[in-house]
Amino acid sequence: MGTDYSQGHGYIIGIDDLVEVVSDDNRLVVITKIKSYFASPENIPDVLKSITEETSTDDLKATLIKMCDVSGEPGKYDGECYATIDWDTDELCDFFNEVLKWTDSPWFEQARIFDSYRKHEGCPIGVVSFVVDESTIYEKTLNDIGTTFEKLCGGFLNECEWTDVSY
């Protein structure tokens, strides 16, 4: 028995910035993809049940943001943060990859909720962060996806590294 460490690296975006890929032009496609993502209407999470073809772009963005609400104790050594929708971060990542692939959103390698300043220095704590691998957005310079991602991030790519520790 010992302590295991693993390093992580990627470029991240929070949901507040990510939803900006949803526009009046692609709103109906995103709504259709949300509805078709679930096998039956009973499987749709409560937070998404209010979405209809009449849902405005701003309301759709607000609902997607609400879907990524986080609870727990961010900032503590073992913050134990989690998405309040009761999905794990892999499920959130899969959902957003599928629903937003018809927009300018890049493909995400993973979603994370960083919960400890001590273990995740420099990473946003207590929020869902979507991770893009360096090879997805960089060649020698930013590619088209990277340029779009940089714009979504407010003109600054927030590169993060983290270490996971298990005892």
C-alpha atoms as a PDB file:
ATOM      1  CA  MET A   1       0.000   0.000   0.000  1.00  0.00           C
ATOM      2  CA  GLY A   2       1.267   3.418  -0.794  1.00  0.00           C
ATOM      3  CA  THR A   3       0.360   6.759  -2.162  1.00  0.00           C
ATOM      4  CA  ASP A   4      -0.386   7.047  -5.874  1.00  0.00           C
ATOM      5  CA  TYR A   5       0.081  10.271  -7.802  1.00  0.00           C
ATOM      6  CA  SER A   6      -1.049  11.128 -11.286  1.00  0.00           C
ATOM      7  CA  GLN A   7      -0.410  14.327 -13.202  1.00  0.00           C
ATOM      8  CA  GLY A   8      -2.949  15.984 -15.438  1.00  0.00           C
ATOM      9  CA  HIS A   9      -2.589  18.691 -18.031  1.00  0.00           C
ATOM     10  CA  GLY A  10      -5.040  20.434 -20.293  1.00  0.00           C
ATOM     11  CA  TYR A  11      -6.772  23.612 -21.286  1.00  0.00           C
ATOM     12  CA  ILE A  12     -10.010  24.264 -19.494  1.00  0.00           C
ATOM     13  CA  ILE A  13     -13.208  26.179 -19.915  1.00  0.00           C
ATOM     14  CA  GLY A  14     -16.016  26.676 -17.440  1.00  0.00           C
ATOM     15  CA  ILE A  15     -19.676  26.290 -18.282  1.00  0.00           C
ATOM     16  CA  ASP A  16     -20.317  30.055 -18.126  1.00  0.00           C
ATOM     17  CA  ASP A  17     -17.968  30.518 -21.084  1.00  0.00           C
ATOM     18  CA  LEU A  18     -18.806  27.251 -22.837  1.00  0.00           C
ATOM     19  CA  VAL A  19     -22.502  28.056 -23.272  1.00  0.00           C
ATOM     20  CA  GLU A  20     -21.525  30.985 -25.490  1.00  0.00           C
ATOM     21  CA  VAL A  21     -21.295  28.497 -28.387  1.00  0.00           C
ATOM     22  CA  VAL A  22     -25.099  28.325 -28.225  1.00  0.00           C
ATOM     23  CA  SER A  23     -26.565  31.001 -30.455  1.00  0.00           C
ATOM     24  CA  ASP A  24     -29.869  31.930 -32.039  1.00  0.00           C
ATOM     25  CA  ASP A  25     -28.622  30.183 -35.189  1.00  0.00           C
ATOM     26  CA  ASN A  26     -27.988  26.782 -33.532  1.00  0.00           C
ATOM     27  CA  ARG A  27     -30.456  26.934 -30.614  1.00  0.00           C
ATOM     28  CA  LEU A  28     -33.004  24.566 -32.190  1.00  0.00           C
ATOM     29  CA  VAL A  29     -30.316  22.031 -33.128  1.00  0.00           C
ATOM     30  CA  VAL A  30     -28.992  22.052 -29.547  1.00  0.00           C
ATOM     31  CA  ILE A  31     -32.532  21.640 -28.158  1.00  0.00           C
ATOM     32  CA  THR A  32     -33.170  18.728 -30.541  1.00  0.00           C
ATOM     33  CA  LYS A  33     -29.892  17.088 -29.521  1.00  0.00           C
ATOM     34  CA  ILE A  34     -30.734  17.477 -25.829  1.00  0.00           C
ATOM     35  CA  LYS A  35     -34.113  15.799 -26.317  1.00  0.00           C
ATOM     36  CA  SER A  36     -32.702  12.990 -28.481  1.00  0.00           C
ATOM     37  CA  TYR A  37     -29.798  12.347 -26.080  1.00  0.00           C
ATOM     38  CA  PHE A  38     -32.128  10.554 -23.690  1.00  0.00           C
ATOM     39  CA  ALA A  39     -33.725   7.208 -24.593  1.00  0.00           C
ATOM     40  CA  SER A  40     -37.101   8.294 -23.253  1.00  0.00           C
ATOM     41  CA  PRO A  41     -38.654  11.442 -21.756  1.00  0.00           C
ATOM     42  CA  GLU A  42     -38.659   9.806 -18.301  1.00  0.00           C
ATOM     43  CA  ASN A  43     -34.831   9.771 -18.369  1.00  0.00           C
ATOM     44  CA  ILE A  44     -34.523  13.517 -18.860  1.00  0.00           C
ATOM     45  CA  PRO A  45     -33.171  15.174 -15.691  1.00  0.00           C
ATOM     46  CA  ASP A  46     -35.586  17.595 -14.020  1.00  0.00           C
ATOM     47  CA  VAL A  47     -33.363  20.584 -14.770  1.00  0.00           C
ATOM     48  CA  LEU A  48     -33.735  19.922 -18.526  1.00  0.00           C
ATOM     49  CA  LYS A  49     -37.463  19.074 -18.638  1.00  0.00           C
ATOM     50  CA  SER A  50     -38.499  22.697 -19.133  1.00  0.00           C
ATOM     51  CA  ILE A  51     -36.606  22.979 -22.442  1.00  0.00           C
ATOM     52  CA  THR A  52     -38.896  23.167 -25.477  1.00  0.00           C
ATOM     53  CA  GLU A  53     -38.565  24.512 -29.010  1.00  0.00           C
ATOM     54  CA  GLU A  54     -39.845  27.837 -27.635  1.00  0.00           C
ATOM     55  CA  THR A  55     -37.020  28.114 -25.078  1.00  0.00           C
ATOM     56  CA  SER A  56     -35.010  31.262 -25.766  1.00  0.00           C
ATOM     57  CA  THR A  57     -31.268  31.141 -26.325  1.00  0.00           C
ATOM     58  CA  ASP A  58     -30.638  32.923 -23.017  1.00  0.00           C
ATOM     59  CA  ASP A  59     -32.908  30.521 -21.112  1.00  0.00           C
ATOM     60  CA  LEU A  60     -31.235  27.535 -22.782  1.00  0.00           C
ATOM     61  CA  LYS A  61     -27.804  28.829 -21.733  1.00  0.00           C
ATOM     62  CA  ALA A  62     -29.036  29.420 -18.169  1.00  0.00           C
ATOM     63  CA  THR A  63     -30.420  25.869 -18.003  1.00  0.00           C
ATOM     64  CA  LEU A  64     -27.138  24.360 -19.231  1.00  0.00           C
ATOM     65  CA  ILE A  65     -25.279  26.420 -16.611  1.00  0.00           C
ATOM     66  CA  LYS A  66     -27.704  25.231 -13.905  1.00  0.00           C
ATOM     67  CA  MET A  67     -27.014  21.663 -14.987  1.00  0.00           C
ATOM     68  CA  CYS A  68     -23.399  22.146 -13.870  1.00  0.00           C
ATOM     69  CA  ASP A  69     -24.118  23.459 -10.358  1.00  0.00           C
ATOM     70  CA  VAL A  70     -21.661  22.041  -7.819  1.00  0.00           C
ATOM     71  CA  SER A  71     -22.069  21.172  -4.146  1.00  0.00           C
ATOM     72  CA  GLY A  72     -19.567  20.021  -1.576  1.00  0.00           C
ATOM     73  CA  GLU A  73     -16.733  21.731   0.233  1.00  0.00           C
ATOM     74  CA  PRO A  74     -14.519  23.396  -2.372  1.00  0.00           C
ATOM     75  CA  GLY A  75     -11.137  24.545  -1.167  1.00  0.00           C
ATOM     76  CA  LYS A  76     -10.729  22.055   1.661  1.00  0.00           C
ATOM     77  CA  TYR A  77      -7.986  19.423   1.516  1.00  0.00           C
ATOM     78  CA  ASP A  78     -10.515  16.785   0.487  1.00  0.00           C
ATOM     79  CA  GLY A  79     -13.321  19.012  -0.776  1.00  0.00           C
ATOM     80  CA  GLU A  80     -15.459  16.151  -2.097  1.00  0.00           C
ATOM     81  CA  CYS A  81     -17.254  18.305  -4.660  1.00  0.00           C
ATOM     82  CA  TYR A  82     -19.892  16.874  -6.961  1.00  0.00           C
ATOM     83  CA  ALA A  83     -22.383  18.005  -9.587  1.00  0.00           C
ATOM     84  CA  THR A  84     -25.806  18.572  -8.030  1.00  0.00           C
ATOM     85  CA  ILE A  85     -27.500  16.974 -11.049  1.00  0.00           C
ATOM     86  CA  ASP A  86     -26.233  13.678  -9.604  1.00  0.00           C
ATOM     87  CA  TRP A  87     -24.156  12.822 -12.670  1.00  0.00           C
ATOM     88  CA  ASP A  88     -20.459  12.134 -12.523  1.00  0.00           C
ATOM     89  CA  THR A  89     -18.137  14.304 -14.577  1.00  0.00           C
ATOM     90  CA  ASP A  90     -17.769  11.639 -17.290  1.00  0.00           C
ATOM     91  CA  GLU A  91     -21.529  11.774 -17.854  1.00  0.00           C
ATOM     92  CA  LEU A  92     -21.448  15.576 -18.022  1.00  0.00           C
ATOM     93  CA  CYS A  93     -18.554  15.452 -20.489  1.00  0.00           C
ATOM     94  CA  ASP A  94     -20.330  12.910 -22.708  1.00  0.00           C
ATOM     95  CA  PHE A  95     -23.547  14.941 -22.641  1.00  0.00           C
ATOM     96  CA  PHE A  96     -21.903  18.233 -23.588  1.00  0.00           C
ATOM     97  CA  ASN A  97     -19.718  16.602 -26.262  1.00  0.00           C
ATOM     98  CA  GLU A  98     -22.797  15.093 -27.896  1.00  0.00           C
ATOM     99  CA  VAL A  99     -25.141  18.053 -27.542  1.00  0.00           C
ATOM    100  CA  LEU A 100     -22.616  20.727 -28.561  1.00  0.00           C
ATOM    101  CA  LYS A 101     -20.802  18.897 -31.361  1.00  0.00           C
ATOM    102  CA  TRP A 102     -23.039  20.750 -33.858  1.00  0.00           C
ATOM    103  CA  THR A 103     -21.642  24.074 -32.619  1.00  0.00           C
ATOM    104  CA  ASP A 104     -18.116  25.518 -32.577  1.00  0.00           C
ATOM    105  CA  SER A 105     -17.335  23.670 -29.337  1.00  0.00           C
ATOM    106  CA  PRO A 106     -14.217  21.488 -29.330  1.00  0.00           C
ATOM    107  CA  TRP A 107     -14.347  17.843 -28.248  1.00  0.00           C
ATOM    108  CA  PHE A 108     -13.585  17.549 -24.534  1.00  0.00           C
ATOM    109  CA  GLU A 109     -11.260  14.882 -23.182  1.00  0.00           C
ATOM    110  CA  GLN A 110     -12.869  15.055 -19.767  1.00  0.00           C
ATOM    111  CA  ALA A 111     -14.738  17.204 -17.296  1.00  0.00           C
ATOM    112  CA  ARG A 112     -13.372  17.766 -13.796  1.00  0.00           C
ATOM    113  CA  ILE A 113     -14.444  19.368 -10.561  1.00  0.00           C
ATOM    114  CA  PHE A 114     -11.268  20.518  -8.866  1.00  0.00           C
ATOM    115  CA  ASP A 115     -11.960  20.673  -5.153  1.00  0.00           C
ATOM    116  CA  SER A 116      -8.714  21.373  -3.293  1.00  0.00           C
ATOM    117  CA  TYR A 117      -6.353  24.350  -3.567  1.00  0.00           C
ATOM    118  CA  ARG A 118      -3.605  22.162  -2.164  1.00  0.00           C
ATOM    119  CA  LYS A 119      -3.991  19.419  -4.794  1.00  0.00           C
ATOM    120  CA  HIS A 120      -5.159  21.531  -7.741  1.00  0.00           C
ATOM    121  CA  GLU A 121      -3.068  24.685  -7.599  1.00  0.00           C
ATOM    122  CA  GLY A 122      -3.968  27.114 -10.360  1.00  0.00           C
ATOM    123  CA  CYS A 123      -7.164  25.291 -11.320  1.00  0.00           C
ATOM    124  CA  PRO A 124     -10.635  26.768 -10.790  1.00  0.00           C
ATOM    125  CA  ILE A 125     -11.993  25.288  -7.569  1.00  0.00           C
ATOM    126  CA  GLY A 126     -15.573  24.163  -7.032  1.00  0.00           C
ATOM    127  CA  VAL A 127     -16.853  24.434 -10.621  1.00  0.00           C
ATOM    128  CA  VAL A 128     -17.220  22.025 -13.517  1.00  0.00           C
ATOM    129  CA  SER A 129     -14.249  22.476 -15.842  1.00  0.00           C
ATOM    130  CA  PHE A 130     -14.182  20.966 -19.322  1.00  0.00           C
ATOM    131  CA  VAL A 131     -10.713  19.859 -20.428  1.00  0.00           C
ATOM    132  CA  VAL A 132      -9.351  20.084 -23.943  1.00  0.00           C
ATOM    133  CA  ASP A 133      -6.149  18.247 -24.778  1.00  0.00           C
ATOM    134  CA  GLU A 134      -3.295  20.345 -26.128  1.00  0.00           C
ATOM    135  CA  SER A 135      -3.234  18.436 -29.439  1.00  0.00           C
ATOM    136  CA  THR A 136      -6.893  19.341 -30.042  1.00  0.00           C
ATOM    137  CA  ILE A 137      -6.219  23.081 -30.092  1.00  0.00           C
ATOM    138  CA  TYR A 138      -2.525  23.473 -30.927  1.00  0.00           C
ATOM    139  CA  GLU A 139      -0.349  22.692 -33.859  1.00  0.00           C
ATOM    140  CA  LYS A 140       2.608  25.050 -33.964  1.00  0.00           C
ATOM    141  CA  THR A 141       0.088  27.851 -33.597  1.00  0.00           C
ATOM    142  CA  LEU A 142      -3.568  27.770 -32.651  1.00  0.00           C
ATOM    143  CA  ASN A 143      -5.672  25.911 -35.193  1.00  0.00           C
ATOM    144  CA  ASP A 144      -9.254  26.892 -36.071  1.00  0.00           C
ATOM    145  CA  ILE A 145     -10.683  25.018 -33.077  1.00  0.00           C
ATOM    146  CA  GLY A 146      -8.070  26.592 -30.798  1.00  0.00           C
ATOM    147  CA  THR A 147      -8.853  30.092 -32.071  1.00  0.00           C
ATOM    148  CA  THR A 148     -12.569  29.557 -31.411  1.00  0.00           C
ATOM    149  CA  PHE A 149     -11.805  28.076 -27.985  1.00  0.00           C
ATOM    150  CA  GLU A 150      -9.555  31.043 -27.150  1.00  0.00           C
ATOM    151  CA  LYS A 151     -12.382  33.444 -28.062  1.00  0.00           C
ATOM    152  CA  LEU A 152     -14.815  31.458 -25.897  1.00  0.00           C
ATOM    153  CA  CYS A 153     -12.362  31.734 -23.007  1.00  0.00           C
ATOM    154  CA  GLY A 154     -12.308  35.535 -23.270  1.00  0.00           C
ATOM    155  CA  GLY A 155      -9.050  35.719 -25.245  1.00  0.00           C
ATOM    156  CA  PHE A 156      -6.965  33.803 -22.718  1.00  0.00           C
ATOM    157  CA  LEU A 157      -6.319  30.060 -22.699  1.00  0.00           C
ATOM    158  CA  ASN A 158      -6.268  28.874 -19.106  1.00  0.00           C
ATOM    159  CA  GLU A 159      -3.736  26.029 -19.121  1.00  0.00           C
ATOM    160  CA  CYS A 160      -3.860  23.940 -15.957  1.00  0.00           C
ATOM    161  CA  GLU A 161      -1.895  21.072 -14.498  1.00  0.00           C
ATOM    162  CA  TRP A 162      -3.018  19.001 -11.538  1.00  0.00           C
ATOM    163  CA  THR A 163      -1.999  16.069  -9.439  1.00  0.00           C
ATOM    164  CA  ASP A 164      -4.403  13.427  -8.205  1.00  0.00           C
ATOM    165  CA  VAL A 165      -3.448  11.657  -5.008  1.00  0.00           C
ATOM    166  CA  SER A 166      -4.959   8.450  -3.703  1.00  0.00           C
ATOM    167  CA  TYR A 167      -4.065   6.766  -0.448  1.00  0.00           C
END
